[in-house]
């Protein structure tokens, strides 16, 4: 049976306790011999003291090693850097330090209590978000209603402008037709008169008599002023609230008259009725002017 390293050292004459220390410190025979040679001048008591001091230093070094991380801004402790980095991303905290305090794992009861606390916090957060969502939804509905009303008002204004524009276009076209007819009638009358005079001259020439001179026509009585010469018309408007007397330009459309009456009475106008001659002006006439409807120079209308 081969002798152990300790037995060989003792057989070489080294003290047994010193040999045990050498083997523990080095782990091999050759290194143990070198250790014994280097520490031969030290007493056994000194070697024991050095060994105890080294063990104490090693224990203190182990105790000084960082076992956790702590956030200096809020005091929370974390097992590792991953948890600390997650905390920093959520809280914005940046001041962290190492700690020798070891974080003890939570017991099962502590885990359940922690989960219950988190659930309560989440429920409270959801309730706050739900209330805020309701407020935001109500505000959005109000904004949408306001936008809708503004859009409808704008559409109504555009519709009124288009009606007025279309009525003016029809009035101009109608007046152009009337003027064209008058020019044609005047030309026909002039041609007819010219042919009559030519026939009379030819007849007189064949008979050998003097050509008759057309007598100047007798002065006719001044005709009444035509409606086309009036620039304004006066309307007597009979409403349920009483009579309204208003003067309008003859080019005013019946739609504009209805709008003016509506502003005073606060009611929409459906139609106008004229008694003499009897005629009902429904909304289909609202695009025509007072002049075209022959409500010049004055008229009395019942508002309905």
C-alpha atoms as a PDB file:
ATOM      1  CA  UNK A   1       0.000   0.000   0.000  1.00  0.00           C
ATOM      2  CA  UNK A   2       1.452   3.343  -1.063  1.00  0.00           C
ATOM      3  CA  UNK A   3       2.115   5.855   1.683  1.00  0.00           C
ATOM      4  CA  UNK A   4       0.084   9.063   1.607  1.00  0.00           C
ATOM      5  CA  UNK A   5       1.602  12.534   1.084  1.00  0.00           C
ATOM      6  CA  UNK A   6       1.186  13.202   4.816  1.00  0.00           C
ATOM      7  CA  UNK A   7       2.931   9.947   5.765  1.00  0.00           C
ATOM      8  CA  UNK A   8       5.805  10.692   3.416  1.00  0.00           C
ATOM      9  CA  UNK A   9       6.280  14.164   4.925  1.00  0.00           C
ATOM     10  CA  UNK A  10       6.285  12.747   8.429  1.00  0.00           C
ATOM     11  CA  UNK A  11       8.780  10.054   7.295  1.00  0.00           C
ATOM     12  CA  UNK A  12      10.985  12.898   5.962  1.00  0.00           C
ATOM     13  CA  UNK A  13      11.038  14.339   9.458  1.00  0.00           C
ATOM     14  CA  UNK A  14       8.477  17.188   9.159  1.00  0.00           C
ATOM     15  CA  UNK A  15       6.103  17.880  12.033  1.00  0.00           C
ATOM     16  CA  UNK A  16       2.734  16.190  11.479  1.00  0.00           C
ATOM     17  CA  UNK A  17       0.574  19.297  12.174  1.00  0.00           C
ATOM     18  CA  UNK A  18       2.784  21.466   9.955  1.00  0.00           C
ATOM     19  CA  UNK A  19       2.587  18.788   7.245  1.00  0.00           C
ATOM     20  CA  UNK A  20      -1.227  18.746   7.441  1.00  0.00           C
ATOM     21  CA  UNK A  21      -1.254  22.567   7.041  1.00  0.00           C
ATOM     22  CA  UNK A  22       1.094  22.348   4.034  1.00  0.00           C
ATOM     23  CA  UNK A  23      -0.977  19.724   2.234  1.00  0.00           C
ATOM     24  CA  UNK A  24      -4.244  21.710   2.837  1.00  0.00           C
ATOM     25  CA  UNK A  25      -2.655  24.900   1.571  1.00  0.00           C
ATOM     26  CA  UNK A  26      -0.979  23.398  -1.527  1.00  0.00           C
ATOM     27  CA  UNK A  27      -2.674  20.104  -2.366  1.00  0.00           C
ATOM     28  CA  UNK A  28       0.457  18.206  -3.467  1.00  0.00           C
ATOM     29  CA  UNK A  29       3.666  16.688  -2.059  1.00  0.00           C
ATOM     30  CA  UNK A  30       6.163  18.804  -3.966  1.00  0.00           C
ATOM     31  CA  UNK A  31       4.319  22.071  -3.304  1.00  0.00           C
ATOM     32  CA  UNK A  32       3.870  21.052   0.344  1.00  0.00           C
ATOM     33  CA  UNK A  33       7.667  20.582   0.727  1.00  0.00           C
ATOM     34  CA  UNK A  34       8.209  24.082  -0.734  1.00  0.00           C
ATOM     35  CA  UNK A  35       5.581  25.539   1.651  1.00  0.00           C
ATOM     36  CA  UNK A  36       7.202  23.889   4.648  1.00  0.00           C
ATOM     37  CA  UNK A  37      10.611  25.193   3.564  1.00  0.00           C
ATOM     38  CA  UNK A  38       9.255  28.777   3.096  1.00  0.00           C
ATOM     39  CA  UNK A  39       7.509  28.776   6.502  1.00  0.00           C
ATOM     40  CA  UNK A  40      10.179  26.883   8.478  1.00  0.00           C
ATOM     41  CA  UNK A  41      11.145  29.975  10.435  1.00  0.00           C
ATOM     42  CA  UNK A  42       7.578  30.538  11.672  1.00  0.00           C
ATOM     43  CA  UNK A  43       6.323  28.969  14.827  1.00  0.00           C
ATOM     44  CA  UNK A  44       3.347  26.634  14.794  1.00  0.00           C
ATOM     45  CA  UNK A  45       1.332  29.218  16.711  1.00  0.00           C
ATOM     46  CA  UNK A  46       2.101  31.894  14.122  1.00  0.00           C
ATOM     47  CA  UNK A  47       1.004  29.586  11.339  1.00  0.00           C
ATOM     48  CA  UNK A  48      -2.267  28.881  13.153  1.00  0.00           C
ATOM     49  CA  UNK A  49      -2.861  32.612  13.586  1.00  0.00           C
ATOM     50  CA  UNK A  50      -2.208  33.304   9.869  1.00  0.00           C
ATOM     51  CA  UNK A  51      -4.590  30.505   8.885  1.00  0.00           C
ATOM     52  CA  UNK A  52      -7.384  31.911  11.085  1.00  0.00           C
ATOM     53  CA  UNK A  53      -6.775  35.446   9.766  1.00  0.00           C
ATOM     54  CA  UNK A  54      -6.962  34.233   6.150  1.00  0.00           C
ATOM     55  CA  UNK A  55     -10.233  32.398   6.841  1.00  0.00           C
ATOM     56  CA  UNK A  56     -11.671  35.517   8.518  1.00  0.00           C
ATOM     57  CA  UNK A  57     -10.656  37.722   5.586  1.00  0.00           C
ATOM     58  CA  UNK A  58     -12.213  35.309   3.143  1.00  0.00           C
ATOM     59  CA  UNK A  59     -15.440  35.322   5.134  1.00  0.00           C
ATOM     60  CA  UNK A  60     -15.472  39.129   5.252  1.00  0.00           C
ATOM     61  CA  UNK A  61     -14.819  39.321   1.503  1.00  0.00           C
ATOM     62  CA  UNK A  62     -17.755  37.002   0.872  1.00  0.00           C
ATOM     63  CA  UNK A  63     -19.940  39.131   3.157  1.00  0.00           C
ATOM     64  CA  UNK A  64     -18.917  42.306   1.302  1.00  0.00           C
ATOM     65  CA  UNK A  65     -19.974  40.953  -2.084  1.00  0.00           C
ATOM     66  CA  UNK A  66     -23.072  42.636  -3.616  1.00  0.00           C
ATOM     67  CA  UNK A  67     -26.180  40.494  -3.176  1.00  0.00           C
ATOM     68  CA  UNK A  68     -28.742  42.923  -4.633  1.00  0.00           C
ATOM     69  CA  UNK A  69     -29.298  46.337  -6.230  1.00  0.00           C
ATOM     70  CA  UNK A  70     -31.125  49.241  -4.599  1.00  0.00           C
ATOM     71  CA  UNK A  71     -32.791  52.309  -6.161  1.00  0.00           C
ATOM     72  CA  UNK A  72     -31.593  55.332  -4.207  1.00  0.00           C
ATOM     73  CA  UNK A  73     -34.548  57.387  -5.465  1.00  0.00           C
ATOM     74  CA  UNK A  74     -37.380  55.208  -4.114  1.00  0.00           C
ATOM     75  CA  UNK A  75     -35.602  52.590  -1.939  1.00  0.00           C
ATOM     76  CA  UNK A  76     -36.794  49.505  -3.827  1.00  0.00           C
ATOM     77  CA  UNK A  77     -34.427  46.504  -3.949  1.00  0.00           C
ATOM     78  CA  UNK A  78     -33.887  44.137  -6.889  1.00  0.00           C
ATOM     79  CA  UNK A  79     -32.219  40.727  -7.211  1.00  0.00           C
ATOM     80  CA  UNK A  80     -30.511  41.455 -10.519  1.00  0.00           C
ATOM     81  CA  UNK A  81     -29.785  44.028 -13.198  1.00  0.00           C
ATOM     82  CA  UNK A  82     -32.720  42.912 -15.386  1.00  0.00           C
ATOM     83  CA  UNK A  83     -35.240  43.841 -12.690  1.00  0.00           C
ATOM     84  CA  UNK A  84     -33.452  47.126 -11.997  1.00  0.00           C
ATOM     85  CA  UNK A  85     -33.439  48.025 -15.713  1.00  0.00           C
ATOM     86  CA  UNK A  86     -37.164  47.253 -15.994  1.00  0.00           C
ATOM     87  CA  UNK A  87     -37.835  49.487 -12.972  1.00  0.00           C
ATOM     88  CA  UNK A  88     -35.764  52.282 -14.543  1.00  0.00           C
ATOM     89  CA  UNK A  89     -37.696  52.055 -17.843  1.00  0.00           C
ATOM     90  CA  UNK A  90     -41.047  52.324 -16.036  1.00  0.00           C
ATOM     91  CA  UNK A  91     -40.189  54.922 -13.380  1.00  0.00           C
ATOM     92  CA  UNK A  92     -37.472  56.975 -15.089  1.00  0.00           C
ATOM     93  CA  UNK A  93     -35.192  56.500 -12.044  1.00  0.00           C
ATOM     94  CA  UNK A  94     -31.464  56.419 -12.769  1.00  0.00           C
ATOM     95  CA  UNK A  95     -29.692  56.376  -9.368  1.00  0.00           C
ATOM     96  CA  UNK A  96     -28.917  52.721  -8.432  1.00  0.00           C
ATOM     97  CA  UNK A  97     -26.299  51.177  -6.112  1.00  0.00           C
ATOM     98  CA  UNK A  98     -25.108  47.712  -5.042  1.00  0.00           C
ATOM     99  CA  UNK A  99     -26.282  46.305  -1.728  1.00  0.00           C
ATOM    100  CA  UNK A 100     -24.949  43.461   0.432  1.00  0.00           C
ATOM    101  CA  UNK A 101     -28.419  42.789   1.735  1.00  0.00           C
ATOM    102  CA  UNK A 102     -29.795  39.553   0.326  1.00  0.00           C
ATOM    103  CA  UNK A 103     -33.394  39.599  -0.859  1.00  0.00           C
ATOM    104  CA  UNK A 104     -35.261  36.803   0.896  1.00  0.00           C
ATOM    105  CA  UNK A 105     -37.754  34.952  -1.380  1.00  0.00           C
ATOM    106  CA  UNK A 106     -41.404  35.671  -0.623  1.00  0.00           C
ATOM    107  CA  UNK A 107     -43.425  33.093   1.232  1.00  0.00           C
ATOM    108  CA  UNK A 108     -46.561  31.694  -0.404  1.00  0.00           C
ATOM    109  CA  UNK A 109     -48.751  33.961   1.753  1.00  0.00           C
ATOM    110  CA  UNK A 110     -46.671  37.013   0.826  1.00  0.00           C
ATOM    111  CA  UNK A 111     -46.921  36.070  -2.876  1.00  0.00           C
ATOM    112  CA  UNK A 112     -50.710  35.840  -2.686  1.00  0.00           C
ATOM    113  CA  UNK A 113     -50.909  39.176  -0.840  1.00  0.00           C
ATOM    114  CA  UNK A 114     -48.655  40.792  -3.478  1.00  0.00           C
ATOM    115  CA  UNK A 115     -50.842  39.434  -6.307  1.00  0.00           C
ATOM    116  CA  UNK A 116     -54.002  40.691  -4.591  1.00  0.00           C
ATOM    117  CA  UNK A 117     -52.427  44.163  -4.225  1.00  0.00           C
ATOM    118  CA  UNK A 118     -51.484  44.221  -7.921  1.00  0.00           C
ATOM    119  CA  UNK A 119     -55.004  43.148  -8.937  1.00  0.00           C
ATOM    120  CA  UNK A 120     -56.518  45.934  -6.817  1.00  0.00           C
ATOM    121  CA  UNK A 121     -54.183  48.493  -8.387  1.00  0.00           C
ATOM    122  CA  UNK A 122     -55.053  47.300 -11.896  1.00  0.00           C
ATOM    123  CA  UNK A 123     -58.790  47.433 -11.134  1.00  0.00           C
ATOM    124  CA  UNK A 124     -58.464  50.984  -9.791  1.00  0.00           C
ATOM    125  CA  UNK A 125     -56.461  52.032 -12.862  1.00  0.00           C
ATOM    126  CA  UNK A 126     -59.086  50.526 -15.192  1.00  0.00           C
ATOM    127  CA  UNK A 127     -61.847  52.372 -13.325  1.00  0.00           C
ATOM    128  CA  UNK A 128     -60.012  55.682 -13.755  1.00  0.00           C
ATOM    129  CA  UNK A 129     -59.409  54.967 -17.441  1.00  0.00           C
ATOM    130  CA  UNK A 130     -63.080  53.993 -17.898  1.00  0.00           C
ATOM    131  CA  UNK A 131     -64.259  57.283 -16.351  1.00  0.00           C
ATOM    132  CA  UNK A 132     -61.816  59.211 -18.515  1.00  0.00           C
ATOM    133  CA  UNK A 133     -63.012  57.318 -21.607  1.00  0.00           C
ATOM    134  CA  UNK A 134     -66.595  58.337 -20.827  1.00  0.00           C
ATOM    135  CA  UNK A 135     -65.559  61.975 -20.457  1.00  0.00           C
ATOM    136  CA  UNK A 136     -63.587  61.838 -23.723  1.00  0.00           C
ATOM    137  CA  UNK A 137     -66.480  60.135 -25.531  1.00  0.00           C
ATOM    138  CA  UNK A 138     -68.956  62.774 -24.324  1.00  0.00           C
ATOM    139  CA  UNK A 139     -66.613  65.584 -25.390  1.00  0.00           C
ATOM    140  CA  UNK A 140     -66.141  63.974 -28.812  1.00  0.00           C
ATOM    141  CA  UNK A 141     -69.923  63.660 -29.238  1.00  0.00           C
ATOM    142  CA  UNK A 142     -70.347  67.351 -28.419  1.00  0.00           C
ATOM    143  CA  UNK A 143     -67.635  68.270 -30.936  1.00  0.00           C
ATOM    144  CA  UNK A 144     -69.245  66.061 -33.595  1.00  0.00           C
ATOM    145  CA  UNK A 145     -72.700  67.577 -32.958  1.00  0.00           C
ATOM    146  CA  UNK A 146     -71.261  71.071 -33.258  1.00  0.00           C
ATOM    147  CA  UNK A 147     -69.477  70.154 -36.489  1.00  0.00           C
ATOM    148  CA  UNK A 148     -72.675  68.601 -37.868  1.00  0.00           C
ATOM    149  CA  UNK A 149     -74.721  71.721 -37.068  1.00  0.00           C
ATOM    150  CA  UNK A 150     -72.091  74.004 -38.571  1.00  0.00           C
ATOM    151  CA  UNK A 151     -72.014  71.821 -41.681  1.00  0.00           C
ATOM    152  CA  UNK A 152     -75.811  71.855 -41.991  1.00  0.00           C
ATOM    153  CA  UNK A 153     -75.909  75.640 -41.516  1.00  0.00           C
ATOM    154  CA  UNK A 154     -73.261  76.057 -44.194  1.00  0.00           C
ATOM    155  CA  UNK A 155     -75.197  73.766 -46.551  1.00  0.00           C
ATOM    156  CA  UNK A 156     -78.376  75.771 -45.933  1.00  0.00           C
ATOM    157  CA  UNK A 157     -76.568  79.033 -46.667  1.00  0.00           C
ATOM    158  CA  UNK A 158     -75.176  77.582 -49.884  1.00  0.00           C
ATOM    159  CA  UNK A 159     -78.626  76.274 -50.841  1.00  0.00           C
ATOM    160  CA  UNK A 160     -80.189  79.713 -50.303  1.00  0.00           C
ATOM    161  CA  UNK A 161     -77.441  81.369 -52.343  1.00  0.00           C
ATOM    162  CA  UNK A 162     -77.945  78.851 -55.133  1.00  0.00           C
ATOM    163  CA  UNK A 163     -81.701  79.469 -55.119  1.00  0.00           C
ATOM    164  CA  UNK A 164     -81.162  83.223 -55.318  1.00  0.00           C
ATOM    165  CA  UNK A 165     -78.573  82.765 -58.058  1.00  0.00           C
ATOM    166  CA  UNK A 166     -80.888  80.452 -60.045  1.00  0.00           C
ATOM    167  CA  UNK A 167     -83.830  82.846 -59.617  1.00  0.00           C
ATOM    168  CA  UNK A 168     -81.708  85.749 -60.877  1.00  0.00           C
ATOM    169  CA  UNK A 169     -80.598  83.669 -63.850  1.00  0.00           C
ATOM    170  CA  UNK A 170     -84.219  82.818 -64.731  1.00  0.00           C
ATOM    171  CA  UNK A 171     -85.236  86.467 -64.360  1.00  0.00           C
ATOM    172  CA  UNK A 172     -82.483  87.610 -66.729  1.00  0.00           C
ATOM    173  CA  UNK A 173     -83.377  84.922 -69.251  1.00  0.00           C
ATOM    174  CA  UNK A 174     -87.066  85.837 -69.060  1.00  0.00           C
ATOM    175  CA  UNK A 175     -86.307  89.538 -69.470  1.00  0.00           C
ATOM    176  CA  UNK A 176     -84.030  88.756 -72.433  1.00  0.00           C
ATOM    177  CA  UNK A 177     -86.884  86.800 -74.053  1.00  0.00           C
ATOM    178  CA  UNK A 178     -89.310  89.695 -73.507  1.00  0.00           C
ATOM    179  CA  UNK A 179     -86.876  92.226 -74.966  1.00  0.00           C
ATOM    180  CA  UNK A 180     -86.219  89.963 -77.967  1.00  0.00           C
ATOM    181  CA  UNK A 181     -89.980  89.590 -78.604  1.00  0.00           C
ATOM    182  CA  UNK A 182     -90.463  93.356 -78.391  1.00  0.00           C
ATOM    183  CA  UNK A 183     -87.683  93.922 -80.913  1.00  0.00           C
ATOM    184  CA  UNK A 184     -89.213  91.362 -83.279  1.00  0.00           C
ATOM    185  CA  UNK A 185     -92.713  92.875 -82.908  1.00  0.00           C
ATOM    186  CA  UNK A 186     -91.360  96.370 -83.531  1.00  0.00           C
ATOM    187  CA  UNK A 187     -89.549  95.181 -86.651  1.00  0.00           C
ATOM    188  CA  UNK A 188     -92.676  93.442 -87.946  1.00  0.00           C
ATOM    189  CA  UNK A 189     -94.759  96.588 -87.328  1.00  0.00           C
ATOM    190  CA  UNK A 190     -92.181  98.784 -89.098  1.00  0.00           C
ATOM    191  CA  UNK A 191     -92.026  96.420 -92.095  1.00  0.00           C
ATOM    192  CA  UNK A 192     -95.828  96.327 -92.272  1.00  0.00           C
ATOM    193  CA  UNK A 193     -96.062 100.137 -92.225  1.00  0.00           C
ATOM    194  CA  UNK A 194     -93.381 100.409 -94.868  1.00  0.00           C
ATOM    195  CA  UNK A 195     -95.276  98.003 -97.140  1.00  0.00           C
ATOM    196  CA  UNK A 196     -98.546  99.955 -96.629  1.00  0.00           C
ATOM    197  CA  UNK A 197     -96.945 103.270 -97.530  1.00  0.00           C
ATOM    198  CA  UNK A 198     -95.273 101.745-100.589  1.00  0.00           C
ATOM    199  CA  UNK A 199     -98.604 100.350-101.803  1.00  0.00           C
ATOM    200  CA  UNK A 200    -100.314 103.751-101.387  1.00  0.00           C
ATOM    201  CA  UNK A 201     -97.524 105.515-103.300  1.00  0.00           C
ATOM    202  CA  UNK A 202     -97.721 103.032-106.168  1.00  0.00           C
ATOM    203  CA  UNK A 203    -101.530 103.337-106.281  1.00  0.00           C
ATOM    204  CA  UNK A 204    -101.375 107.155-106.347  1.00  0.00           C
ATOM    205  CA  UNK A 205     -98.751 107.071-109.091  1.00  0.00           C
ATOM    206  CA  UNK A 206    -100.962 104.883-111.291  1.00  0.00           C
ATOM    207  CA  UNK A 207    -104.000 107.165-110.717  1.00  0.00           C
ATOM    208  CA  UNK A 208    -101.945 110.294-111.452  1.00  0.00           C
ATOM    209  CA  UNK A 209    -102.782 111.914-108.165  1.00  0.00           C
ATOM    210  CA  UNK A 210    -100.564 113.472-105.593  1.00  0.00           C
ATOM    211  CA  UNK A 211     -98.983 111.103-103.147  1.00  0.00           C
ATOM    212  CA  UNK A 212    -100.854 111.489 -99.905  1.00  0.00           C
ATOM    213  CA  UNK A 213     -98.850 112.752 -97.012  1.00  0.00           C
ATOM    214  CA  UNK A 214     -99.293 110.725 -93.858  1.00  0.00           C
ATOM    215  CA  UNK A 215    -101.032 112.806 -91.279  1.00  0.00           C
ATOM    216  CA  UNK A 216     -99.353 113.148 -87.962  1.00  0.00           C
ATOM    217  CA  UNK A 217    -101.088 110.939 -85.471  1.00  0.00           C
ATOM    218  CA  UNK A 218    -103.130 112.627 -82.829  1.00  0.00           C
ATOM    219  CA  UNK A 219    -101.432 112.897 -79.497  1.00  0.00           C
ATOM    220  CA  UNK A 220    -102.499 109.971 -77.416  1.00  0.00           C
ATOM    221  CA  UNK A 221    -103.071 110.292 -73.711  1.00  0.00           C
ATOM    222  CA  UNK A 222    -100.015 109.517 -71.649  1.00  0.00           C
ATOM    223  CA  UNK A 223    -100.074 105.806 -70.856  1.00  0.00           C
ATOM    224  CA  UNK A 224     -99.805 104.691 -67.244  1.00  0.00           C
ATOM    225  CA  UNK A 225     -96.308 104.127 -66.015  1.00  0.00           C
ATOM    226  CA  UNK A 226     -95.385 100.498 -66.900  1.00  0.00           C
ATOM    227  CA  UNK A 227     -94.430  98.106 -64.138  1.00  0.00           C
ATOM    228  CA  UNK A 228     -90.945  97.814 -65.637  1.00  0.00           C
ATOM    229  CA  UNK A 229     -90.279 101.475 -64.730  1.00  0.00           C
ATOM    230  CA  UNK A 230     -90.752 100.890 -61.001  1.00  0.00           C
ATOM    231  CA  UNK A 231     -87.668 100.178 -58.938  1.00  0.00           C
ATOM    232  CA  UNK A 232     -89.471  99.352 -55.682  1.00  0.00           C
ATOM    233  CA  UNK A 233     -92.754  97.797 -54.605  1.00  0.00           C
ATOM    234  CA  UNK A 234     -94.683  98.132 -51.376  1.00  0.00           C
ATOM    235  CA  UNK A 235     -96.144  94.985 -49.852  1.00  0.00           C
ATOM    236  CA  UNK A 236     -98.845  94.623 -47.208  1.00  0.00           C
ATOM    237  CA  UNK A 237     -98.214  91.276 -45.542  1.00  0.00           C
ATOM    238  CA  UNK A 238    -101.026  89.865 -43.388  1.00  0.00           C
ATOM    239  CA  UNK A 239     -99.706  87.467 -40.713  1.00  0.00           C
ATOM    240  CA  UNK A 240    -101.297  85.798 -37.684  1.00  0.00           C
ATOM    241  CA  UNK A 241     -99.430  88.322 -35.527  1.00  0.00           C
ATOM    242  CA  UNK A 242    -100.683  91.355 -37.472  1.00  0.00           C
ATOM    243  CA  UNK A 243     -99.945  93.288 -40.651  1.00  0.00           C
ATOM    244  CA  UNK A 244     -96.424  94.062 -41.833  1.00  0.00           C
ATOM    245  CA  UNK A 245     -95.738  96.873 -44.312  1.00  0.00           C
ATOM    246  CA  UNK A 246     -92.456  96.553 -46.161  1.00  0.00           C
ATOM    247  CA  UNK A 247     -90.848  98.024 -49.264  1.00  0.00           C
ATOM    248  CA  UNK A 248     -88.620  95.830 -51.415  1.00  0.00           C
ATOM    249  CA  UNK A 249     -86.660  96.294 -54.655  1.00  0.00           C
ATOM    250  CA  UNK A 250     -88.660  94.845 -57.552  1.00  0.00           C
ATOM    251  CA  UNK A 251     -85.876  92.331 -58.227  1.00  0.00           C
ATOM    252  CA  UNK A 252     -86.305  90.797 -54.752  1.00  0.00           C
ATOM    253  CA  UNK A 253     -87.281  87.133 -54.900  1.00  0.00           C
ATOM    254  CA  UNK A 254     -90.297  85.795 -53.036  1.00  0.00           C
ATOM    255  CA  UNK A 255     -87.833  83.569 -51.120  1.00  0.00           C
ATOM    256  CA  UNK A 256     -86.122  86.678 -49.717  1.00  0.00           C
ATOM    257  CA  UNK A 257     -89.513  88.152 -48.749  1.00  0.00           C
ATOM    258  CA  UNK A 258     -90.350  84.900 -46.922  1.00  0.00           C
ATOM    259  CA  UNK A 259     -86.997  85.045 -45.085  1.00  0.00           C
ATOM    260  CA  UNK A 260     -87.648  88.654 -44.003  1.00  0.00           C
ATOM    261  CA  UNK A 261     -91.133  87.756 -42.723  1.00  0.00           C
ATOM    262  CA  UNK A 262     -89.737  84.692 -40.929  1.00  0.00           C
ATOM    263  CA  UNK A 263     -87.198  86.843 -39.101  1.00  0.00           C
ATOM    264  CA  UNK A 264     -89.971  89.107 -37.771  1.00  0.00           C
ATOM    265  CA  UNK A 265     -92.530  86.421 -36.893  1.00  0.00           C
ATOM    266  CA  UNK A 266     -90.178  83.599 -35.908  1.00  0.00           C
ATOM    267  CA  UNK A 267     -92.090  81.169 -38.146  1.00  0.00           C
ATOM    268  CA  UNK A 268     -91.333  79.577 -41.489  1.00  0.00           C
ATOM    269  CA  UNK A 269     -93.409  80.805 -44.427  1.00  0.00           C
ATOM    270  CA  UNK A 270     -95.075  78.107 -46.540  1.00  0.00           C
ATOM    271  CA  UNK A 271     -96.885  80.265 -49.099  1.00  0.00           C
ATOM    272  CA  UNK A 272     -98.389  83.688 -49.969  1.00  0.00           C
ATOM    273  CA  UNK A 273    -101.961  84.244 -51.154  1.00  0.00           C
ATOM    274  CA  UNK A 274    -103.187  87.200 -53.269  1.00  0.00           C
ATOM    275  CA  UNK A 275    -106.962  87.903 -53.209  1.00  0.00           C
ATOM    276  CA  UNK A 276    -107.282  90.207 -56.249  1.00  0.00           C
ATOM    277  CA  UNK A 277    -106.661  88.552 -58.576  1.00  0.00           C
ATOM    278  CA  UNK A 278    -106.904  85.308 -56.621  1.00  0.00           C
ATOM    279  CA  UNK A 279    -103.572  83.450 -56.726  1.00  0.00           C
ATOM    280  CA  UNK A 280    -101.554  81.263 -54.356  1.00  0.00           C
ATOM    281  CA  UNK A 281     -97.762  81.557 -54.487  1.00  0.00           C
ATOM    282  CA  UNK A 282     -96.424  78.260 -53.081  1.00  0.00           C
ATOM    283  CA  UNK A 283     -92.707  77.533 -52.570  1.00  0.00           C
ATOM    284  CA  UNK A 284     -92.280  76.671 -56.250  1.00  0.00           C
ATOM    285  CA  UNK A 285     -92.682  80.415 -56.957  1.00  0.00           C
ATOM    286  CA  UNK A 286     -90.139  81.466 -54.293  1.00  0.00           C
ATOM    287  CA  UNK A 287     -87.344  81.634 -56.837  1.00  0.00           C
ATOM    288  CA  UNK A 288     -89.097  84.331 -58.942  1.00  0.00           C
ATOM    289  CA  UNK A 289     -88.845  88.072 -58.434  1.00  0.00           C
ATOM    290  CA  UNK A 290     -91.676  90.384 -57.332  1.00  0.00           C
ATOM    291  CA  UNK A 291     -91.476  92.023 -60.748  1.00  0.00           C
ATOM    292  CA  UNK A 292     -91.931  88.727 -62.599  1.00  0.00           C
ATOM    293  CA  UNK A 293     -94.865  87.810 -60.353  1.00  0.00           C
ATOM    294  CA  UNK A 294     -96.497  91.207 -61.189  1.00  0.00           C
ATOM    295  CA  UNK A 295     -96.502  92.289 -57.564  1.00  0.00           C
ATOM    296  CA  UNK A 296     -95.466  95.827 -58.612  1.00  0.00           C
ATOM    297  CA  UNK A 297     -95.895  98.671 -57.655  1.00  0.00           C
ATOM    298  CA  UNK A 298     -97.832  97.342 -54.643  1.00  0.00           C
ATOM    299  CA  UNK A 299     -99.621  94.220 -53.468  1.00  0.00           C
ATOM    300  CA  UNK A 300    -101.446  92.729 -50.487  1.00  0.00           C
ATOM    301  CA  UNK A 301    -100.486  89.175 -49.549  1.00  0.00           C
ATOM    302  CA  UNK A 302    -101.736  86.757 -46.873  1.00  0.00           C
ATOM    303  CA  UNK A 303     -98.889  84.879 -45.253  1.00  0.00           C
ATOM    304  CA  UNK A 304     -99.440  81.198 -44.440  1.00  0.00           C
END
